[in-house]
Protein backbone atom coordinates (compact mmCIF):
# COMPACT_ATOMS: atom_id res chain seq x y z
CA MET A 1 0.00 0.00 0.00
CA MET A 2 1.06 3.58 -0.64
CA ASP A 3 0.86 6.09 2.21
CA THR A 4 1.13 9.59 0.78
CA ARG A 5 0.65 11.34 4.10
CA PRO A 6 3.63 13.55 4.97
CA ILE A 7 6.30 13.03 7.59
CA GLY A 8 6.09 15.68 10.31
CA ILE A 9 9.32 17.17 11.65
CA PHE A 10 9.84 19.89 14.23
CA ASP A 11 12.70 21.77 15.81
CA SER A 12 13.14 24.92 17.84
CA GLY A 13 14.44 26.67 14.75
CA LEU A 14 16.78 26.09 11.83
CA GLY A 15 18.81 23.10 13.01
CA GLY A 16 16.16 20.50 12.27
CA LEU A 17 16.74 21.12 8.57
CA THR A 18 19.86 18.97 8.97
CA VAL A 19 17.51 16.09 9.74
CA VAL A 20 15.23 17.03 6.85
CA LYS A 21 18.25 16.86 4.56
CA GLU A 22 19.16 13.34 5.68
CA ILE A 23 15.55 12.12 5.44
CA ILE A 24 15.28 13.44 1.89
CA LYS A 25 18.45 11.52 0.98
CA LEU A 26 16.98 8.23 2.20
CA LEU A 27 13.32 8.86 1.38
CA PRO A 28 13.26 11.22 -1.63
CA HIS A 29 9.63 10.45 -2.51
CA GLU A 30 8.22 11.29 0.91
CA ASN A 31 6.31 14.50 1.53
CA ILE A 32 7.53 16.52 4.50
CA VAL A 33 5.96 19.11 6.80
CA TYR A 34 8.55 21.01 8.84
CA LEU A 35 7.88 23.33 11.76
CA GLY A 36 10.59 25.58 13.16
CA ASP A 37 9.58 27.25 16.41
CA THR A 38 11.66 30.32 15.61
CA ALA A 39 9.65 32.63 17.88
CA ARG A 40 10.85 30.70 20.94
CA VAL A 41 14.33 29.52 19.93
CA PRO A 42 16.50 28.42 21.67
CA TYR A 43 14.92 25.69 23.78
CA GLY A 44 18.19 24.84 25.50
CA THR A 45 17.88 27.63 28.04
CA ARG A 46 14.27 26.83 29.00
CA SER A 47 12.85 24.87 31.93
CA ASN A 48 11.83 21.25 31.39
CA GLU A 49 8.14 22.04 31.78
CA ILE A 50 8.25 24.81 29.18
CA ILE A 51 10.16 22.56 26.76
CA LYS A 52 7.46 19.90 27.16
CA LYS A 53 4.73 22.50 26.63
CA PHE A 54 6.32 23.89 23.46
CA SER A 55 7.03 20.40 22.12
CA GLU A 56 3.45 19.28 22.72
CA GLU A 57 2.16 22.31 20.84
CA ASN A 58 4.48 21.51 17.93
CA VAL A 59 3.23 17.94 17.70
CA LYS A 60 -0.39 19.11 17.76
CA PHE A 61 0.35 21.46 14.85
CA LEU A 62 1.90 18.66 12.81
CA LEU A 63 -0.95 16.27 13.55
CA GLY A 64 -3.27 18.98 12.25
CA LYS A 65 -1.42 18.58 8.94
CA LYS A 66 -2.38 14.87 8.87
CA VAL A 67 1.18 13.55 9.19
CA LYS A 68 1.76 9.80 9.44
CA CYS A 69 4.57 10.12 11.98
CA VAL A 70 6.56 12.77 13.82
CA VAL A 71 10.32 13.26 14.03
CA ILE A 72 11.61 15.34 16.94
CA ALA A 73 14.50 17.04 15.15
CA CYS A 74 15.68 18.72 18.33
CA HIS A 75 17.97 17.18 20.92
CA THR A 76 16.62 19.33 23.71
CA SER A 77 13.04 18.25 23.00
CA SER A 78 14.14 14.65 22.47
CA ALA A 79 16.05 14.54 25.75
CA VAL A 80 13.53 16.41 27.90
CA ALA A 81 10.18 15.69 26.24
CA GLY A 82 10.70 12.58 24.09
CA ASP A 83 9.18 10.04 26.47
CA PHE A 84 6.44 12.49 27.47
CA LEU A 85 5.41 13.01 23.84
CA LYS A 86 5.42 9.29 23.02
CA LYS A 87 3.05 8.63 25.92
CA LYS A 88 0.88 11.68 25.22
CA PHE A 89 0.47 10.85 21.54
CA SER A 90 0.54 7.06 21.65
CA ASN A 91 -1.58 6.78 18.50
CA VAL A 92 1.22 8.07 16.25
CA SER A 93 4.83 6.94 15.80
CA ILE A 94 7.25 9.49 17.22
CA PHE A 95 10.98 9.33 16.56
CA ASP A 96 13.63 11.24 18.47
CA VAL A 97 17.28 11.97 17.73
CA VAL A 98 18.66 10.65 21.03
CA SER A 99 17.50 7.01 21.05
CA PRO A 100 19.39 5.98 17.87
CA VAL A 101 22.62 7.39 19.31
CA LEU A 102 22.24 5.43 22.54
CA GLU A 103 21.56 2.28 20.53
CA ARG A 104 24.53 2.84 18.22
CA LEU A 105 27.09 3.74 20.90
CA GLY A 106 25.68 1.95 23.93
CA LYS A 107 28.31 -0.80 23.87
CA SER A 108 31.23 1.27 22.60
CA LYS A 109 34.45 1.14 24.61
CA LYS A 110 35.84 4.29 22.99
CA LYS A 111 35.98 7.62 24.75
CA ILE A 112 32.84 9.47 23.67
CA GLY A 113 32.15 13.18 23.76
CA VAL A 114 28.71 14.78 23.54
CA ILE A 115 28.13 18.46 22.87
CA GLY A 116 24.70 20.06 23.12
CA THR A 117 22.57 22.73 24.73
CA ARG A 118 22.52 23.19 28.49
CA ALA A 119 19.13 21.48 28.71
CA THR A 120 20.28 18.44 26.72
CA ILE A 121 23.47 18.02 28.71
CA GLY A 122 21.68 18.75 31.99
CA SER A 123 19.05 16.09 31.27
CA GLY A 124 21.66 13.37 31.74
CA VAL A 125 20.19 11.41 28.84
CA TYR A 126 23.64 10.61 27.46
CA SER A 127 25.08 9.56 30.83
CA LYS A 128 24.17 5.96 29.95
CA LEU A 129 27.11 5.85 27.55
CA ASN A 130 30.48 4.50 28.70
CA LYS A 131 33.45 6.86 29.12
CA VAL A 132 31.34 9.84 28.11
CA VAL A 133 32.40 13.47 28.41
CA GLN A 134 29.57 15.97 28.04
CA MET A 135 29.86 19.66 27.28
CA ALA A 136 27.27 22.38 26.81
CA CYS A 137 27.97 24.77 23.93
CA PRO A 138 25.17 27.33 24.35
CA LEU A 139 26.46 29.90 21.88
CA PHE A 140 26.51 27.59 18.85
CA VAL A 141 22.74 27.78 18.26
CA PRO A 142 22.41 31.60 18.17
CA PHE A 143 25.49 31.85 15.95
CA ILE A 144 24.05 29.33 13.49
CA GLU A 145 20.60 30.90 13.60
CA GLU A 146 22.21 34.21 12.62
CA GLY A 147 24.00 32.61 9.68
CA GLU A 148 27.46 32.68 11.28
CA ILE A 149 28.46 29.26 9.95
CA LYS A 150 31.75 30.17 8.28
CA GLY A 151 34.59 32.57 8.99
CA ASP A 152 36.66 33.68 11.94
CA LEU A 153 33.82 34.20 14.45
CA ILE A 154 32.53 30.63 14.42
CA LYS A 155 36.07 29.22 14.16
CA SER A 156 37.07 31.09 17.31
CA LEU A 157 33.97 29.90 19.15
CA VAL A 158 34.53 26.27 18.17
CA LYS A 159 38.14 26.47 19.34
CA LYS A 160 37.06 28.07 22.62
CA TYR A 161 34.70 25.19 23.40
CA LEU A 162 36.46 22.19 21.90
CA LYS A 163 40.21 22.67 21.59
CA ASN A 164 40.94 20.77 24.82
CA LEU A 165 38.37 18.02 24.27
CA LYS A 166 40.15 14.66 23.97
CA VAL A 167 37.69 12.09 22.66
CA GLU A 168 37.61 9.45 19.93
CA ILE A 169 33.96 9.96 19.01
CA LEU A 170 31.97 13.19 19.22
CA VAL A 171 28.18 13.19 19.13
CA LEU A 172 26.78 16.37 17.62
CA GLY A 173 24.06 16.53 20.26
CA CYS A 174 22.07 19.35 18.71
CA THR A 175 20.58 19.25 15.24
CA HIS A 176 22.04 22.69 14.55
CA TYR A 177 25.61 21.44 14.93
CA PRO A 178 25.98 19.43 11.68
CA ILE A 179 25.72 22.78 9.88
CA ILE A 180 29.17 23.62 11.31
CA LYS A 181 30.59 20.09 11.20
CA ASP A 182 33.40 21.11 8.84
CA VAL A 183 34.56 23.78 11.27
CA ILE A 184 34.40 21.29 14.16
CA LYS A 185 36.33 18.70 12.15
CA LYS A 186 39.19 21.15 11.60
CA VAL A 187 39.56 21.53 15.36
CA LEU A 188 39.13 17.80 16.15
CA LEU A 189 41.00 16.25 13.22
CA ASP A 190 41.20 12.68 14.52
CA THR A 191 37.74 12.49 16.05
CA GLU A 192 34.82 10.63 14.47
CA LEU A 193 31.77 12.88 14.30
CA ILE A 194 28.33 11.31 14.80
CA ASN A 195 25.40 13.07 13.15
CA PRO A 196 22.23 11.78 14.87
CA GLY A 197 20.17 13.02 11.94
CA ILE A 198 21.67 10.28 9.80
CA LEU A 199 20.90 7.66 12.44
CA VAL A 200 17.28 8.69 13.00
CA SER A 201 16.69 8.81 9.24
CA GLY A 202 17.70 5.17 9.00
CA VAL A 203 15.42 4.20 11.87
CA LEU A 204 12.56 6.15 10.29
CA LYS A 205 12.99 4.46 6.91
CA ASN A 206 13.11 0.98 8.44
CA ASN A 207 9.96 1.69 10.42
CA LEU A 208 8.02 3.02 7.44
CA VAL A 209 9.02 0.03 5.31
CA LYS A 210 8.15 -2.41 8.09
CA ASN A 211 4.69 -0.89 8.56
CA ASP A 212 3.93 -0.43 4.85
CA GLN A 213 3.79 3.34 5.27
CA THR A 214 6.21 4.37 2.54
CA ASN A 215 5.19 6.67 -0.27
CA ASP A 216 6.13 4.78 -3.42
CA GLN A 217 5.18 7.51 -5.86
CA LYS A 218 7.83 8.05 -8.53
CA ARG A 219 7.96 11.83 -8.29
CA GLU A 220 10.03 13.73 -5.76
CA GLY A 221 8.31 14.48 -2.48
CA LYS A 222 7.15 17.96 -1.57
CA GLY A 223 8.30 19.99 1.41
CA SER A 224 6.12 22.39 3.37
CA PHE A 225 8.01 24.68 5.74
CA TYR A 226 6.41 26.56 8.62
CA VAL A 227 7.83 28.82 11.32
CA THR A 228 6.38 30.64 14.30
CA ASP A 229 8.32 33.80 13.48
CA LEU A 230 9.62 34.63 10.02
CA ASN A 231 12.72 36.64 9.27
CA GLU A 232 14.80 37.07 6.17
CA ARG A 233 17.87 35.51 7.77
CA PHE A 234 16.07 32.23 8.43
CA VAL A 235 15.04 31.87 4.80
CA LYS A 236 18.51 32.72 3.47
CA VAL A 237 20.34 30.31 5.74
CA ALA A 238 17.73 27.58 5.20
CA GLU A 239 17.99 27.86 1.43
CA MET A 240 21.78 27.94 1.56
CA PHE A 241 21.87 24.79 3.61
CA LEU A 242 19.21 22.83 1.71
CA GLY A 243 20.61 23.99 -1.62
CA GLU A 244 17.24 25.03 -3.01
CA LYS A 245 14.64 27.75 -2.87
CA ILE A 246 11.86 27.14 -0.37
CA LYS A 247 8.65 28.88 0.58
CA VAL A 248 8.35 29.47 4.30
CA ILE A 249 4.98 30.20 5.91
CA CYS A 250 4.66 31.96 9.26
CA ILE A 251 1.82 30.37 11.21
CA THR A 252 1.38 33.29 13.60
CA ASN A 253 0.48 35.79 10.87
């Protein structure tokens, strides 16, 4: 059977587009509805209860678009609200970006580093990993949201946070961070970088195939992009990263 309903994806802002990009690579025929909660970004500085509230509202919006599943393309929401959302909306499959990382690295004996927002690191969700070093990098998100993804400013910030980090594997524990992965790699030359967006995309594909929910149409899928606050910078950076022109709709207008 063909299931043409879209995949719903949400993030606090721009970073979730890194997950969208990976999903499109694996599932090019799927339709996608993306919500960036740009009016309330970043989530990483918020209380757990507020993060749960915002995340619940995001899921309700996506369900209103008749999505067949939801991907939490935000580490903060995944870490703080993932279990809450799965229980609250038990009638729909919800995927988060933390669980695939824990499954992939759970038995690793290598020294693992995790970088993320204060809320993600503070949640302790990655403490289950062996030999793990966790570090909050709160300034990465606002830099990326402002389009500072190349040049001396972001290079200096990456060095400030990571130059003394001695790990074999580094989990990019915020969906914004893959946007600056090349800058990070130049600072941590011998470190393997883990992009959770790639991992969750694989889990999503396997689940859709298993449950006969794939969209087998032969044309490319369509993307619908929504934000809670629209600014020119968001559109420019989003289009630069996705490599194509997109129409962004502000749902609060």
